[in-house]
Amino acid sequence: MLNIARLNSAPEIFYSLQGEGTRCGTPAVFLRLAGCNLACKWCDTKHSWGNGILCAAHDTAAYIRDFNCDSLVITGGEPLLQQAALTRLLALLPAGMHVEVETNGTLCPTPELEQRINQWNISPKLIHSGNPRDKALKPEVLAHFATLPQAWFKFVVQGEEDWPAIEALNLPPQRIILMPCATTRAALENARPAVVDMCLRHRVRLGDRLHLTLWDDKKGV
């Protein structure tokens, strides 16, 4: 069974545009799983931390297929807390479906799950997330993801003071994305200029947050 986040008394599965990362703007089905092993103080999906709705893999797969979309984004919460159930789900979906996983980078994927994922969007949490550093940053896990060419590293940043912690992780710079720390459209507009400067200074990619620009802090979109 999959533990899926609950939104408006229903499992949070919806069709929208990918708002972050290298496939920003791409239509996709989103599957938000419940439960997380971190507690970021600025998290915009805290409703996913608690108990969700238990759904069978075949029912979830049927619901996803009904959207008739060839792209799936699995997010949370922390999806890698449910790897066995995810592996069963993906076996029921079309082999050609492009599957992305959004993860905080604290857990290594199993070989069975790893071979089915087309893109990993890893978002390591820095000190301003409010999580203890030894719990939020797992260098050995991030080193494993760095060996995967389909893995990208998205950092939510507040300013230049965040760069030393990012640099110390020794991740491939061409696969680092910096995103403004914001949970509303107004906050995004205010935070973006400083992050643009960081990206130019360190020659890494800017990751905007399209969902905030389009829908502000609305959930389920």
Protein backbone atom coordinates (compact mmCIF):
# COMPACT_ATOMS: atom_id res chain seq x y z
CA MET A 1 0.00 0.00 0.00
CA LEU A 2 1.07 3.56 -0.71
CA ASN A 3 0.62 6.22 1.94
CA ILE A 4 -0.48 9.21 -0.17
CA ALA A 5 -0.74 12.74 1.19
CA ARG A 6 -4.25 13.88 2.01
CA LEU A 7 -5.57 17.11 0.49
CA ASN A 8 -9.23 18.08 0.86
CA SER A 9 -10.03 14.55 2.08
CA ALA A 10 -8.67 12.95 -1.11
CA PRO A 11 -5.32 11.42 -2.16
CA GLU A 12 -3.11 14.16 -3.59
CA ILE A 13 -2.71 13.08 -7.21
CA PHE A 14 -3.12 15.85 -9.77
CA TYR A 15 -2.16 17.07 -13.24
CA SER A 16 -0.14 20.27 -13.55
CA LEU A 17 3.12 21.78 -14.80
CA GLN A 18 6.45 20.88 -13.26
CA GLY A 19 7.39 24.03 -11.36
CA GLU A 20 11.07 23.41 -10.63
CA GLY A 21 14.24 21.91 -12.03
CA THR A 22 15.41 21.17 -15.54
CA ARG A 23 11.93 20.13 -16.74
CA CYS A 24 10.23 23.26 -15.45
CA GLY A 25 7.04 23.92 -17.42
CA THR A 26 6.55 20.30 -18.50
CA PRO A 27 3.01 18.88 -18.07
CA ALA A 28 3.06 16.01 -15.58
CA VAL A 29 0.99 13.97 -13.17
CA PHE A 30 2.02 14.61 -9.57
CA LEU A 31 1.87 11.96 -6.87
CA ARG A 32 2.49 13.40 -3.40
CA LEU A 33 3.35 10.81 -0.77
CA ALA A 34 2.81 11.25 2.97
CA GLY A 35 5.49 11.21 5.64
CA CYS A 36 8.86 12.91 5.90
CA ASN A 37 12.04 12.31 7.88
CA LEU A 38 12.83 16.05 8.06
CA ALA A 39 10.85 19.08 9.24
CA CYS A 40 11.86 22.17 7.27
CA LYS A 41 10.49 25.29 8.92
CA TRP A 42 9.70 26.89 5.54
CA CYS A 43 8.17 23.75 3.97
CA ASP A 44 5.16 24.61 1.80
CA THR A 45 3.65 21.11 2.00
CA LYS A 46 3.51 20.50 5.76
CA HIS A 47 0.14 18.83 5.25
CA SER A 48 2.07 15.87 3.82
CA TRP A 49 3.99 15.23 7.05
CA GLY A 50 1.16 13.46 8.85
CA ASN A 51 -0.88 10.38 8.12
CA GLY A 52 -2.16 10.21 4.57
CA ILE A 53 -4.55 7.90 2.75
CA LEU A 54 -3.57 4.28 2.14
CA CYS A 55 -4.06 3.29 -1.51
CA ALA A 56 -3.33 0.04 -3.31
CA ALA A 57 -0.70 0.18 -6.03
CA HIS A 58 -3.08 -1.00 -8.77
CA ASP A 59 -5.68 1.64 -7.86
CA THR A 60 -3.04 4.37 -7.81
CA ALA A 61 -1.64 3.22 -11.16
CA ALA A 62 -5.11 3.25 -12.74
CA TYR A 63 -5.73 6.79 -11.48
CA ILE A 64 -2.39 7.98 -12.89
CA ARG A 65 -2.98 6.30 -16.26
CA ASP A 66 -6.38 8.03 -16.56
CA PHE A 67 -4.61 11.39 -16.98
CA ASN A 68 -3.14 10.11 -20.27
CA CYS A 69 0.17 11.86 -19.58
CA ASP A 70 3.62 10.41 -20.22
CA SER A 71 5.34 12.21 -17.33
CA LEU A 72 5.08 11.45 -13.60
CA VAL A 73 6.58 13.43 -10.71
CA ILE A 74 6.75 11.62 -7.37
CA THR A 75 7.11 14.03 -4.48
CA GLY A 76 6.29 14.33 -0.80
CA GLY A 77 6.95 14.36 2.02
CA GLU A 78 9.93 12.11 1.37
CA PRO A 79 9.14 9.48 -1.30
CA LEU A 80 12.13 7.26 -0.51
CA LEU A 81 10.50 6.27 2.78
CA GLN A 82 8.17 4.12 0.60
CA GLN A 83 10.56 2.52 -1.88
CA ALA A 84 9.10 -0.99 -1.97
CA ALA A 85 5.59 0.30 -2.62
CA LEU A 86 6.87 2.72 -5.26
CA THR A 87 8.68 -0.06 -7.07
CA ARG A 88 5.44 -2.06 -7.22
CA LEU A 89 3.54 0.99 -8.49
CA LEU A 90 6.02 1.78 -11.26
CA ALA A 91 5.88 -1.81 -12.51
CA LEU A 92 2.17 -1.19 -13.25
CA LEU A 93 2.77 1.98 -15.29
CA PRO A 94 3.84 2.23 -18.96
CA ALA A 95 7.52 1.51 -19.45
CA GLY A 96 7.90 4.67 -21.54
CA MET A 97 6.60 7.00 -18.84
CA HIS A 98 9.18 9.57 -17.75
CA VAL A 99 9.45 9.35 -13.96
CA GLU A 100 11.00 12.01 -11.73
CA VAL A 101 11.50 11.71 -7.98
CA GLU A 102 11.82 14.70 -5.66
CA THR A 103 13.89 13.71 -2.62
CA ASN A 104 15.78 15.43 0.19
CA GLY A 105 18.87 13.29 -0.42
CA THR A 106 19.08 11.59 2.97
CA LEU A 107 18.20 8.08 1.76
CA CYS A 108 19.82 5.96 -0.96
CA PRO A 109 17.49 4.37 -3.49
CA THR A 110 17.28 0.62 -3.79
CA PRO A 111 18.74 -0.84 -7.01
CA GLU A 112 15.24 -1.91 -8.09
CA LEU A 113 13.85 1.62 -7.79
CA GLU A 114 16.95 3.33 -9.11
CA GLN A 115 16.86 1.56 -12.46
CA ARG A 116 13.30 2.78 -13.18
CA ILE A 117 13.79 6.50 -12.42
CA ASN A 118 14.56 8.82 -15.33
CA GLN A 119 15.47 11.85 -13.23
CA TRP A 120 16.34 12.47 -9.60
CA ASN A 121 15.68 15.95 -8.21
CA ILE A 122 17.64 16.05 -4.96
CA SER A 123 17.09 18.98 -2.61
CA PRO A 124 19.58 18.84 0.28
CA LYS A 125 18.49 21.01 3.19
CA LEU A 126 20.80 23.72 4.51
CA ILE A 127 21.01 25.05 8.08
CA HIS A 128 18.21 27.63 7.62
CA SER A 129 15.75 24.76 7.09
CA GLY A 130 15.84 24.24 10.86
CA ASN A 131 16.99 20.62 10.63
CA PRO A 132 20.15 19.40 12.44
CA ARG A 133 23.01 19.31 9.95
CA ASP A 134 23.89 15.67 10.64
CA LYS A 135 20.29 14.66 9.95
CA ALA A 136 19.72 16.80 6.86
CA LEU A 137 23.03 16.42 5.00
CA LYS A 138 24.27 12.90 4.29
CA PRO A 139 27.51 13.23 2.25
CA GLU A 140 27.66 9.50 1.49
CA VAL A 141 24.12 9.53 0.07
CA LEU A 142 24.76 12.67 -1.98
CA ALA A 143 28.00 11.13 -3.28
CA HIS A 144 25.99 8.15 -4.53
CA PHE A 145 23.49 10.39 -6.30
CA ALA A 146 26.38 12.35 -7.84
CA THR A 147 27.42 9.17 -9.69
CA LEU A 148 24.05 9.12 -11.47
CA PRO A 149 24.04 11.32 -14.59
CA GLN A 150 20.28 11.83 -14.26
CA ALA A 151 20.57 13.40 -10.78
CA TRP A 152 20.26 17.15 -10.23
CA PHE A 153 20.86 19.00 -6.97
CA LYS A 154 18.42 21.80 -6.07
CA PHE A 155 19.32 24.02 -3.13
CA VAL A 156 16.87 26.42 -1.53
CA VAL A 157 19.06 29.39 -0.61
CA GLN A 158 18.67 32.65 1.28
CA GLY A 159 21.89 34.33 0.22
CA GLU A 160 25.63 34.15 -0.32
CA GLU A 161 26.13 32.84 3.21
CA ASP A 162 24.73 29.49 1.99
CA TRP A 163 27.39 28.91 -0.65
CA PRO A 164 30.22 27.50 1.56
CA ALA A 165 27.97 24.65 2.75
CA ILE A 166 26.99 23.85 -0.84
CA GLU A 167 30.57 24.00 -2.10
CA ALA A 168 31.76 21.69 0.71
CA LEU A 169 29.55 18.88 -0.64
CA ASN A 170 31.72 18.61 -3.79
CA LEU A 171 28.79 18.06 -6.13
CA PRO A 172 29.08 18.45 -9.93
CA PRO A 173 28.66 22.23 -10.43
CA GLN A 174 26.98 21.74 -13.81
CA ARG A 175 24.16 19.90 -12.01
CA ILE A 176 23.65 22.37 -9.15
CA ILE A 177 20.52 24.53 -9.19
CA LEU A 178 19.93 27.41 -6.77
CA MET A 179 16.34 28.37 -5.91
CA PRO A 180 15.08 31.34 -3.87
CA CYS A 181 13.73 30.51 -0.41
CA ALA A 182 10.09 31.51 -0.82
CA THR A 183 6.63 30.06 -0.30
CA THR A 184 4.58 32.86 -1.89
CA ARG A 185 4.72 34.83 -5.15
CA ALA A 186 5.60 38.05 -3.33
CA ALA A 187 8.41 36.42 -1.36
CA LEU A 188 9.77 34.88 -4.56
CA GLU A 189 9.94 38.27 -6.28
CA ASN A 190 11.80 39.73 -3.30
CA ALA A 191 14.26 36.84 -2.95
CA ARG A 192 15.07 36.24 -6.63
CA PRO A 193 17.64 39.05 -7.27
CA ALA A 194 20.07 37.84 -4.61
CA VAL A 195 19.93 34.29 -5.98
CA VAL A 196 20.49 35.52 -9.53
CA ASP A 197 23.66 37.23 -8.29
CA MET A 198 24.78 33.99 -6.60
CA CYS A 199 24.27 32.00 -9.79
CA LEU A 200 26.28 34.48 -11.85
CA ARG A 201 29.05 34.59 -9.25
CA HIS A 202 29.42 30.82 -8.93
CA ARG A 203 28.44 29.87 -12.48
CA VAL A 204 25.58 27.57 -11.56
CA ARG A 205 22.00 27.36 -12.78
CA LEU A 206 19.10 29.44 -11.48
CA GLY A 207 16.01 27.44 -10.63
CA ASP A 208 12.92 29.56 -10.59
CA ARG A 209 9.66 28.37 -8.96
CA LEU A 210 7.05 28.48 -11.70
CA HIS A 211 4.21 27.15 -9.54
CA LEU A 212 4.53 30.16 -7.20
CA THR A 213 4.57 32.58 -10.12
CA LEU A 214 1.43 31.00 -11.59
CA TRP A 215 -0.60 29.98 -8.54
CA ASP A 216 1.04 31.66 -5.53
CA ASP A 217 0.69 29.35 -2.48
CA LYS A 218 -2.34 27.38 -3.70
CA LYS A 219 -2.12 23.65 -2.98
CA GLY A 220 -2.89 20.78 -5.36
CA VAL A 221 -1.67 22.56 -8.50
